[in-house]
Amino acid sequence: ELELKNVCLSAGDHLTVKGVILHHANRFQIDLGSSANDLALHFNPRFHDNHDSAVLVCNSKSHGCWGHERREGHNPLRRGEEVKIVVKLTGDMFKVELPGGQEVKFPNREGASFISYVGVGGDFKLSSFKISQ
């Protein structure tokens, strides 16, 4: 689990996360926002979901309350694989680049001008974390 506070990400910045999805993974998440209770992006790959089996879920959280989930039916991520995930902040949108060229887009619902909180957790062994422009 990784939790960073007092970072400063804004439009044009990229967050690159590398690691291994655990062999028996159910889910993991990459969170960006101002705190754990205020997330502009909750990126949550799930490998065993009651509704869709393997699915990519994106959501936001405001004052501890979840927004409406966006579900992407094609999850290219596989248990046991080493992966590189790049999150790009464009201002009004988050673009999540996945292995194989798939890109998931999620709107900046709250209009956050900067990100001060980053969390990575769940069934994922983090090996590298990089912030760049």
C-alpha atoms as a PDB file:
ATOM      1  CA  GLU A   1       0.000   0.000   0.000  1.00  0.00           C
ATOM      2  CA  LEU A   2       1.249   3.457  -0.902  1.00  0.00           C
ATOM      3  CA  GLU A   3      -0.288   6.696   0.317  1.00  0.00           C
ATOM      4  CA  LEU A   4       1.228  10.067  -0.542  1.00  0.00           C
ATOM      5  CA  LYS A   5      -0.042  13.355   0.828  1.00  0.00           C
ATOM      6  CA  ASN A   6       1.018  16.894  -0.061  1.00  0.00           C
ATOM      7  CA  VAL A   7       1.988  16.046  -3.629  1.00  0.00           C
ATOM      8  CA  CYS A   8       1.167  18.567  -6.337  1.00  0.00           C
ATOM      9  CA  LEU A   9      -0.063  17.157  -9.636  1.00  0.00           C
ATOM     10  CA  SER A  10      -1.792  19.372 -12.182  1.00  0.00           C
ATOM     11  CA  ALA A  11      -2.806  19.393 -15.855  1.00  0.00           C
ATOM     12  CA  GLY A  12      -0.010  18.063 -18.050  1.00  0.00           C
ATOM     13  CA  ASP A  13       1.451  15.822 -15.340  1.00  0.00           C
ATOM     14  CA  HIS A  14       1.755  12.042 -15.667  1.00  0.00           C
ATOM     15  CA  LEU A  15       1.759   9.425 -12.948  1.00  0.00           C
ATOM     16  CA  THR A  16       3.433   6.136 -13.904  1.00  0.00           C
ATOM     17  CA  VAL A  17       2.836   3.081 -11.733  1.00  0.00           C
ATOM     18  CA  LYS A  18       4.621  -0.237 -12.311  1.00  0.00           C
ATOM     19  CA  GLY A  19       4.142  -3.469 -10.452  1.00  0.00           C
ATOM     20  CA  VAL A  20       2.820  -7.006 -10.442  1.00  0.00           C
ATOM     21  CA  ILE A  21      -0.837  -7.925 -10.128  1.00  0.00           C
ATOM     22  CA  LEU A  22      -0.972 -10.661  -7.500  1.00  0.00           C
ATOM     23  CA  HIS A  23      -1.805 -14.189  -8.698  1.00  0.00           C
ATOM     24  CA  HIS A  24      -5.022 -14.393  -6.652  1.00  0.00           C
ATOM     25  CA  ALA A  25      -6.006 -10.745  -7.110  1.00  0.00           C
ATOM     26  CA  ASN A  26      -9.619  -9.688  -6.714  1.00  0.00           C
ATOM     27  CA  ARG A  27      -8.949  -5.976  -7.272  1.00  0.00           C
ATOM     28  CA  PHE A  28      -6.537  -3.102  -6.804  1.00  0.00           C
ATOM     29  CA  GLN A  29      -6.863   0.656  -7.039  1.00  0.00           C
ATOM     30  CA  ILE A  30      -5.060   3.838  -7.955  1.00  0.00           C
ATOM     31  CA  ASP A  31      -6.599   6.876  -6.254  1.00  0.00           C
ATOM     32  CA  LEU A  32      -5.994  10.560  -6.997  1.00  0.00           C
ATOM     33  CA  GLY A  33      -7.623  13.456  -5.166  1.00  0.00           C
ATOM     34  CA  SER A  34      -7.235  15.737  -2.162  1.00  0.00           C
ATOM     35  CA  SER A  35      -7.704  12.986   0.476  1.00  0.00           C
ATOM     36  CA  ALA A  36      -8.909   9.395   0.802  1.00  0.00           C
ATOM     37  CA  ASN A  37     -12.458  10.784   1.209  1.00  0.00           C
ATOM     38  CA  ASP A  38     -12.241  13.186  -1.757  1.00  0.00           C
ATOM     39  CA  LEU A  39     -11.089  11.385  -4.887  1.00  0.00           C
ATOM     40  CA  ALA A  40     -11.151  12.900  -8.350  1.00  0.00           C
ATOM     41  CA  LEU A  41     -10.221   9.475  -9.785  1.00  0.00           C
ATOM     42  CA  HIS A  42     -10.640   6.007  -8.302  1.00  0.00           C
ATOM     43  CA  PHE A  43      -9.260   3.577 -10.911  1.00  0.00           C
ATOM     44  CA  ASN A  44     -10.231   0.066  -9.815  1.00  0.00           C
ATOM     45  CA  PRO A  45      -9.491  -2.996 -11.980  1.00  0.00           C
ATOM     46  CA  ARG A  46     -11.542  -5.933 -10.734  1.00  0.00           C
ATOM     47  CA  PHE A  47     -10.841  -9.537 -11.619  1.00  0.00           C
ATOM     48  CA  HIS A  48     -13.925 -11.156 -10.125  1.00  0.00           C
ATOM     49  CA  ASP A  49     -16.935  -8.861 -10.093  1.00  0.00           C
ATOM     50  CA  ASN A  50     -20.451 -10.102  -9.350  1.00  0.00           C
ATOM     51  CA  HIS A  51     -21.865  -8.283 -12.379  1.00  0.00           C
ATOM     52  CA  ASP A  52     -19.228  -8.351 -15.113  1.00  0.00           C
ATOM     53  CA  SER A  53     -16.442 -10.782 -14.107  1.00  0.00           C
ATOM     54  CA  ALA A  54     -13.246  -8.920 -15.110  1.00  0.00           C
ATOM     55  CA  VAL A  55     -13.971  -5.192 -15.419  1.00  0.00           C
ATOM     56  CA  LEU A  56     -12.320  -1.780 -15.098  1.00  0.00           C
ATOM     57  CA  VAL A  57     -14.223   0.551 -12.762  1.00  0.00           C
ATOM     58  CA  CYS A  58     -13.683   4.304 -12.473  1.00  0.00           C
ATOM     59  CA  ASN A  59     -15.398   6.539  -9.968  1.00  0.00           C
ATOM     60  CA  SER A  60     -15.037   9.673  -7.874  1.00  0.00           C
ATOM     61  CA  LYS A  61     -15.711  10.315  -4.198  1.00  0.00           C
ATOM     62  CA  SER A  62     -16.818  13.622  -2.706  1.00  0.00           C
ATOM     63  CA  HIS A  63     -16.906  14.120   1.081  1.00  0.00           C
ATOM     64  CA  GLY A  64     -16.875  10.345   1.562  1.00  0.00           C
ATOM     65  CA  CYS A  65     -19.746   9.688  -0.870  1.00  0.00           C
ATOM     66  CA  TRP A  66     -19.146   7.681  -4.041  1.00  0.00           C
ATOM     67  CA  GLY A  67     -20.363   8.979  -7.388  1.00  0.00           C
ATOM     68  CA  HIS A  68     -21.773   6.904 -10.231  1.00  0.00           C
ATOM     69  CA  GLU A  69     -19.441   4.095 -11.339  1.00  0.00           C
ATOM     70  CA  ARG A  70     -18.231   3.939 -14.910  1.00  0.00           C
ATOM     71  CA  ARG A  71     -17.545   0.374 -15.985  1.00  0.00           C
ATOM     72  CA  GLU A  72     -15.353  -0.647 -18.901  1.00  0.00           C
ATOM     73  CA  GLY A  73     -16.147  -4.201 -19.996  1.00  0.00           C
ATOM     74  CA  HIS A  74     -12.750  -5.027 -21.503  1.00  0.00           C
ATOM     75  CA  ASN A  75     -10.083  -5.496 -18.834  1.00  0.00           C
ATOM     76  CA  PRO A  76      -6.717  -6.220 -20.530  1.00  0.00           C
ATOM     77  CA  LEU A  77      -4.973  -6.679 -17.164  1.00  0.00           C
ATOM     78  CA  ARG A  78      -4.198 -10.226 -16.036  1.00  0.00           C
ATOM     79  CA  ARG A  79      -3.428 -11.737 -12.654  1.00  0.00           C
ATOM     80  CA  GLY A  80       0.265 -12.497 -12.153  1.00  0.00           C
ATOM     81  CA  GLU A  81       1.413 -10.029 -14.835  1.00  0.00           C
ATOM     82  CA  GLU A  82       3.875  -7.191 -14.473  1.00  0.00           C
ATOM     83  CA  VAL A  83       2.191  -4.009 -15.699  1.00  0.00           C
ATOM     84  CA  LYS A  84       2.839  -0.342 -16.372  1.00  0.00           C
ATOM     85  CA  ILE A  85      -0.105   2.035 -15.961  1.00  0.00           C
ATOM     86  CA  VAL A  86       0.187   5.723 -16.872  1.00  0.00           C
ATOM     87  CA  VAL A  87      -2.385   8.245 -15.596  1.00  0.00           C
ATOM     88  CA  LYS A  88      -2.376  11.530 -17.518  1.00  0.00           C
ATOM     89  CA  LEU A  89      -4.027  14.632 -16.117  1.00  0.00           C
ATOM     90  CA  THR A  90      -5.433  16.879 -18.834  1.00  0.00           C
ATOM     91  CA  GLY A  91      -7.427  19.290 -16.663  1.00  0.00           C
ATOM     92  CA  ASP A  92     -10.976  18.235 -17.478  1.00  0.00           C
ATOM     93  CA  MET A  93     -10.151  14.544 -17.926  1.00  0.00           C
ATOM     94  CA  PHE A  94      -8.023  11.687 -16.626  1.00  0.00           C
ATOM     95  CA  LYS A  95      -6.560   9.353 -19.235  1.00  0.00           C
ATOM     96  CA  VAL A  96      -5.395   5.958 -17.985  1.00  0.00           C
ATOM     97  CA  GLU A  97      -3.058   4.172 -20.414  1.00  0.00           C
ATOM     98  CA  LEU A  98      -2.962   0.405 -20.028  1.00  0.00           C
ATOM     99  CA  PRO A  99      -0.748  -2.318 -21.514  1.00  0.00           C
ATOM    100  CA  GLY A 100      -1.640  -3.150 -25.098  1.00  0.00           C
ATOM    101  CA  GLY A 101      -2.579   0.430 -25.942  1.00  0.00           C
ATOM    102  CA  GLN A 102      -6.018   0.537 -24.298  1.00  0.00           C
ATOM    103  CA  GLU A 103      -6.911   3.926 -22.818  1.00  0.00           C
ATOM    104  CA  VAL A 104      -9.660   4.619 -20.300  1.00  0.00           C
ATOM    105  CA  LYS A 105     -10.944   8.191 -19.991  1.00  0.00           C
ATOM    106  CA  PHE A 106     -12.710   9.545 -16.919  1.00  0.00           C
ATOM    107  CA  PRO A 107     -13.969  13.117 -16.424  1.00  0.00           C
ATOM    108  CA  ASN A 108     -12.655  15.391 -13.689  1.00  0.00           C
ATOM    109  CA  ARG A 109     -16.155  15.610 -12.174  1.00  0.00           C
ATOM    110  CA  GLU A 110     -15.283  17.999  -9.361  1.00  0.00           C
ATOM    111  CA  GLY A 111     -13.060  20.197 -11.531  1.00  0.00           C
ATOM    112  CA  ALA A 112     -10.023  19.676  -9.289  1.00  0.00           C
ATOM    113  CA  SER A 113      -7.246  22.004 -10.461  1.00  0.00           C
ATOM    114  CA  PHE A 114      -4.541  19.972  -8.703  1.00  0.00           C
ATOM    115  CA  ILE A 115      -4.102  16.614  -7.015  1.00  0.00           C
ATOM    116  CA  SER A 116      -2.488  16.484  -3.568  1.00  0.00           C
ATOM    117  CA  TYR A 117      -3.248  12.869  -2.605  1.00  0.00           C
ATOM    118  CA  VAL A 118      -2.191   9.642  -4.350  1.00  0.00           C
ATOM    119  CA  GLY A 119      -2.953   6.135  -3.127  1.00  0.00           C
ATOM    120  CA  VAL A 120      -2.128   2.720  -4.582  1.00  0.00           C
ATOM    121  CA  GLY A 121      -3.468  -0.357  -2.850  1.00  0.00           C
ATOM    122  CA  GLY A 122      -5.158  -3.706  -3.055  1.00  0.00           C
ATOM    123  CA  ASP A 123      -3.858  -6.871  -4.683  1.00  0.00           C
ATOM    124  CA  PHE A 124      -0.868  -5.210  -6.360  1.00  0.00           C
ATOM    125  CA  LYS A 125       2.852  -5.324  -5.576  1.00  0.00           C
ATOM    126  CA  LEU A 126       4.202  -1.882  -6.421  1.00  0.00           C
ATOM    127  CA  SER A 127       7.718  -1.777  -7.858  1.00  0.00           C
ATOM    128  CA  SER A 128       7.973   1.753  -9.284  1.00  0.00           C
ATOM    129  CA  PHE A 129       6.179   5.065  -8.940  1.00  0.00           C
ATOM    130  CA  LYS A 130       7.044   8.176 -10.968  1.00  0.00           C
ATOM    131  CA  ILE A 131       5.581  11.644 -11.417  1.00  0.00           C
ATOM    132  CA  SER A 132       6.601  13.524 -14.569  1.00  0.00           C
ATOM    133  CA  GLN A 133       5.480  16.302 -16.891  1.00  0.00           C
END
